[in-house]
Amino acid sequence: MEFKVGDKVQALVGPHAGLYHEVIHVFPNGHVNIRPLGLRPKQIKYHLGAAEAGPSQIELLHPSTKSLNELL
């Protein structure tokens, strides 16, 4: 699956599994950097605030879900 910057995804593994994330960078090999939404910086358990995830580790949310208020 192709992801693009700004996509809203749900992490399936890791310390923030089940939480909604935003794609902040897409690598040429298909992996992406994601950061959790709705958490304060001290609550984020990822080193430097973001994590790299493979396509099988995240799930794209429905395209009609656009605002942060709908997610949280």
N, C-alpha and C. Protein backbone atom coordinates (compact mmCIF):
# COMPACT_ATOMS: atom_id res chain seq x y z
N MET A 1 0.85 -1.18 0.00
CA MET A 1 0.00 0.00 0.00
C MET A 1 0.89 1.24 0.00
N GLU A 2 0.50 2.22 -0.75
CA GLU A 2 1.23 3.48 -0.84
C GLU A 2 0.72 4.45 0.21
N PHE A 3 1.63 5.02 0.97
CA PHE A 3 1.28 6.03 1.96
C PHE A 3 1.86 7.36 1.50
N LYS A 4 1.28 8.46 1.98
CA LYS A 4 1.82 9.77 1.67
C LYS A 4 1.83 10.61 2.94
N VAL A 5 2.64 11.64 2.94
CA VAL A 5 2.75 12.51 4.10
C VAL A 5 1.38 13.10 4.42
N GLY A 6 1.03 13.05 5.69
CA GLY A 6 -0.26 13.58 6.13
C GLY A 6 -1.33 12.52 6.32
N ASP A 7 -1.10 11.31 5.81
CA ASP A 7 -2.07 10.23 6.00
C ASP A 7 -2.23 9.92 7.49
N LYS A 8 -3.44 9.61 7.88
CA LYS A 8 -3.71 9.16 9.25
C LYS A 8 -3.72 7.64 9.25
N VAL A 9 -2.94 7.05 10.16
CA VAL A 9 -2.82 5.60 10.23
C VAL A 9 -2.97 5.15 11.68
N GLN A 10 -3.18 3.86 11.84
CA GLN A 10 -3.24 3.26 13.17
C GLN A 10 -2.09 2.28 13.29
N ALA A 11 -1.29 2.42 14.35
CA ALA A 11 -0.17 1.52 14.58
C ALA A 11 -0.69 0.18 15.09
N LEU A 12 -0.16 -0.91 14.54
CA LEU A 12 -0.59 -2.24 14.94
C LEU A 12 0.38 -2.89 15.92
N VAL A 13 1.62 -2.38 16.01
CA VAL A 13 2.63 -2.91 16.93
C VAL A 13 3.34 -1.75 17.61
N GLY A 14 4.08 -2.06 18.67
CA GLY A 14 4.89 -1.06 19.35
C GLY A 14 4.24 -0.52 20.60
N PRO A 15 4.91 0.42 21.27
CA PRO A 15 4.40 0.94 22.53
C PRO A 15 3.12 1.75 22.39
N HIS A 16 2.84 2.26 21.22
CA HIS A 16 1.62 3.03 20.99
C HIS A 16 0.68 2.30 20.03
N ALA A 17 0.67 0.99 20.09
CA ALA A 17 -0.21 0.19 19.23
C ALA A 17 -1.66 0.53 19.53
N GLY A 18 -2.43 0.69 18.48
CA GLY A 18 -3.85 1.02 18.62
C GLY A 18 -4.13 2.50 18.59
N LEU A 19 -3.10 3.32 18.74
CA LEU A 19 -3.31 4.77 18.70
C LEU A 19 -3.21 5.28 17.27
N TYR A 20 -3.81 6.43 17.05
CA TYR A 20 -3.76 7.05 15.74
C TYR A 20 -2.46 7.81 15.58
N HIS A 21 -1.89 7.75 14.39
CA HIS A 21 -0.63 8.39 14.06
C HIS A 21 -0.77 9.16 12.76
N GLU A 22 0.18 10.05 12.51
CA GLU A 22 0.26 10.78 11.26
C GLU A 22 1.57 10.43 10.57
N VAL A 23 1.53 10.20 9.27
CA VAL A 23 2.73 9.92 8.49
C VAL A 23 3.46 11.24 8.29
N ILE A 24 4.75 11.29 8.69
CA ILE A 24 5.51 12.53 8.56
C ILE A 24 6.63 12.41 7.53
N HIS A 25 6.95 11.19 7.07
CA HIS A 25 7.97 11.01 6.04
C HIS A 25 7.77 9.65 5.38
N VAL A 26 7.98 9.59 4.08
CA VAL A 26 7.88 8.33 3.34
C VAL A 26 9.23 8.03 2.72
N PHE A 27 9.76 6.83 3.01
CA PHE A 27 11.04 6.40 2.45
C PHE A 27 10.81 5.72 1.11
N PRO A 28 11.82 5.69 0.23
CA PRO A 28 11.67 5.04 -1.08
C PRO A 28 11.35 3.55 -1.00
N ASN A 29 11.77 2.89 0.09
CA ASN A 29 11.52 1.45 0.21
C ASN A 29 10.12 1.12 0.72
N GLY A 30 9.27 2.14 0.93
CA GLY A 30 7.90 1.90 1.38
C GLY A 30 7.68 2.09 2.87
N HIS A 31 8.74 2.17 3.65
CA HIS A 31 8.59 2.41 5.08
C HIS A 31 8.26 3.88 5.30
N VAL A 32 7.68 4.17 6.46
CA VAL A 32 7.27 5.54 6.78
C VAL A 32 7.68 5.89 8.20
N ASN A 33 7.85 7.18 8.48
CA ASN A 33 8.00 7.68 9.83
C ASN A 33 6.63 8.15 10.29
N ILE A 34 6.26 7.77 11.51
CA ILE A 34 4.95 8.14 12.05
C ILE A 34 5.13 8.77 13.42
N ARG A 35 4.19 9.66 13.76
CA ARG A 35 4.18 10.23 15.11
C ARG A 35 2.76 10.13 15.65
N PRO A 36 2.62 9.84 16.94
CA PRO A 36 1.29 9.69 17.52
C PRO A 36 0.56 11.03 17.63
N LEU A 37 -0.75 10.97 17.50
CA LEU A 37 -1.60 12.16 17.61
C LEU A 37 -2.27 12.18 18.98
N GLY A 38 -2.43 13.36 19.52
CA GLY A 38 -3.18 13.52 20.76
C GLY A 38 -2.40 13.25 22.03
N LEU A 39 -1.09 13.08 21.93
CA LEU A 39 -0.26 12.87 23.12
C LEU A 39 0.63 14.08 23.33
N ARG A 40 0.88 14.38 24.60
CA ARG A 40 1.84 15.43 24.91
C ARG A 40 3.25 14.88 24.72
N PRO A 41 4.23 15.73 24.46
CA PRO A 41 5.59 15.24 24.19
C PRO A 41 6.14 14.30 25.25
N LYS A 42 5.85 14.53 26.51
CA LYS A 42 6.37 13.65 27.57
C LYS A 42 5.71 12.27 27.56
N GLN A 43 4.56 12.15 26.92
CA GLN A 43 3.86 10.86 26.87
C GLN A 43 4.35 9.98 25.72
N ILE A 44 5.04 10.55 24.75
CA ILE A 44 5.48 9.80 23.58
C ILE A 44 6.69 8.95 23.95
N LYS A 45 6.58 7.65 23.71
CA LYS A 45 7.63 6.71 24.09
C LYS A 45 8.63 6.44 22.97
N TYR A 46 8.43 7.06 21.81
CA TYR A 46 9.37 6.89 20.70
C TYR A 46 10.58 7.79 20.90
N HIS A 47 11.76 7.30 20.59
CA HIS A 47 12.97 8.10 20.64
C HIS A 47 12.84 9.22 19.62
N LEU A 48 13.07 10.44 20.00
CA LEU A 48 12.95 11.63 19.17
C LEU A 48 11.52 11.91 18.72
N GLY A 49 10.52 11.25 19.31
CA GLY A 49 9.13 11.57 19.05
C GLY A 49 8.47 10.91 17.86
N ALA A 50 9.21 10.12 17.09
CA ALA A 50 8.64 9.45 15.92
C ALA A 50 9.25 8.06 15.80
N ALA A 51 8.63 7.22 14.98
CA ALA A 51 9.12 5.86 14.78
C ALA A 51 8.99 5.49 13.32
N GLU A 52 9.87 4.60 12.87
CA GLU A 52 9.77 4.07 11.51
C GLU A 52 8.90 2.81 11.54
N ALA A 53 8.03 2.69 10.56
CA ALA A 53 7.14 1.53 10.50
C ALA A 53 7.07 1.02 9.07
N GLY A 54 6.97 -0.29 8.96
CA GLY A 54 6.78 -0.91 7.66
C GLY A 54 5.31 -0.94 7.30
N PRO A 55 5.01 -1.18 6.03
CA PRO A 55 3.60 -1.20 5.59
C PRO A 55 2.74 -2.22 6.33
N SER A 56 3.33 -3.31 6.80
CA SER A 56 2.54 -4.33 7.50
C SER A 56 2.32 -3.98 8.97
N GLN A 57 2.97 -2.94 9.46
CA GLN A 57 2.86 -2.56 10.87
C GLN A 57 1.87 -1.43 11.12
N ILE A 58 1.30 -0.88 10.05
CA ILE A 58 0.33 0.20 10.18
C ILE A 58 -0.86 -0.06 9.27
N GLU A 59 -1.97 0.58 9.61
CA GLU A 59 -3.19 0.42 8.84
C GLU A 59 -3.73 1.81 8.52
N LEU A 60 -4.01 2.07 7.26
CA LEU A 60 -4.54 3.36 6.82
C LEU A 60 -5.97 3.51 7.29
N LEU A 61 -6.28 4.68 7.85
CA LEU A 61 -7.65 4.96 8.27
C LEU A 61 -8.49 5.35 7.08
N HIS A 62 -9.75 5.29 7.23
CA HIS A 62 -10.68 5.62 6.15
C HIS A 62 -10.40 7.04 5.65
N PRO A 63 -10.33 7.26 4.34
CA PRO A 63 -9.99 8.58 3.80
C PRO A 63 -10.92 9.72 4.24
N SER A 64 -12.16 9.42 4.61
CA SER A 64 -13.06 10.49 5.01
C SER A 64 -12.74 11.02 6.40
N THR A 65 -11.90 10.31 7.17
CA THR A 65 -11.49 10.75 8.49
C THR A 65 -10.36 11.75 8.33
N LYS A 66 -10.68 13.04 8.41
CA LYS A 66 -9.68 14.05 8.11
C LYS A 66 -9.27 14.87 9.31
N SER A 67 -10.15 15.14 10.22
CA SER A 67 -9.81 16.05 11.31
C SER A 67 -9.38 15.28 12.56
N LEU A 68 -8.53 15.91 13.33
CA LEU A 68 -8.05 15.33 14.57
C LEU A 68 -9.20 15.10 15.55
N ASN A 69 -10.21 15.97 15.53
CA ASN A 69 -11.34 15.85 16.42
C ASN A 69 -12.12 14.56 16.15
N GLU A 70 -12.19 14.14 14.90
CA GLU A 70 -12.88 12.89 14.58
C GLU A 70 -12.10 11.69 15.10
N LEU A 71 -10.77 11.81 15.16
CA LEU A 71 -9.94 10.69 15.59
C LEU A 71 -9.94 10.51 17.10
N LEU A 72 -10.00 11.61 17.84
CA LEU A 72 -9.88 11.53 19.29
C LEU A 72 -11.17 11.67 19.97
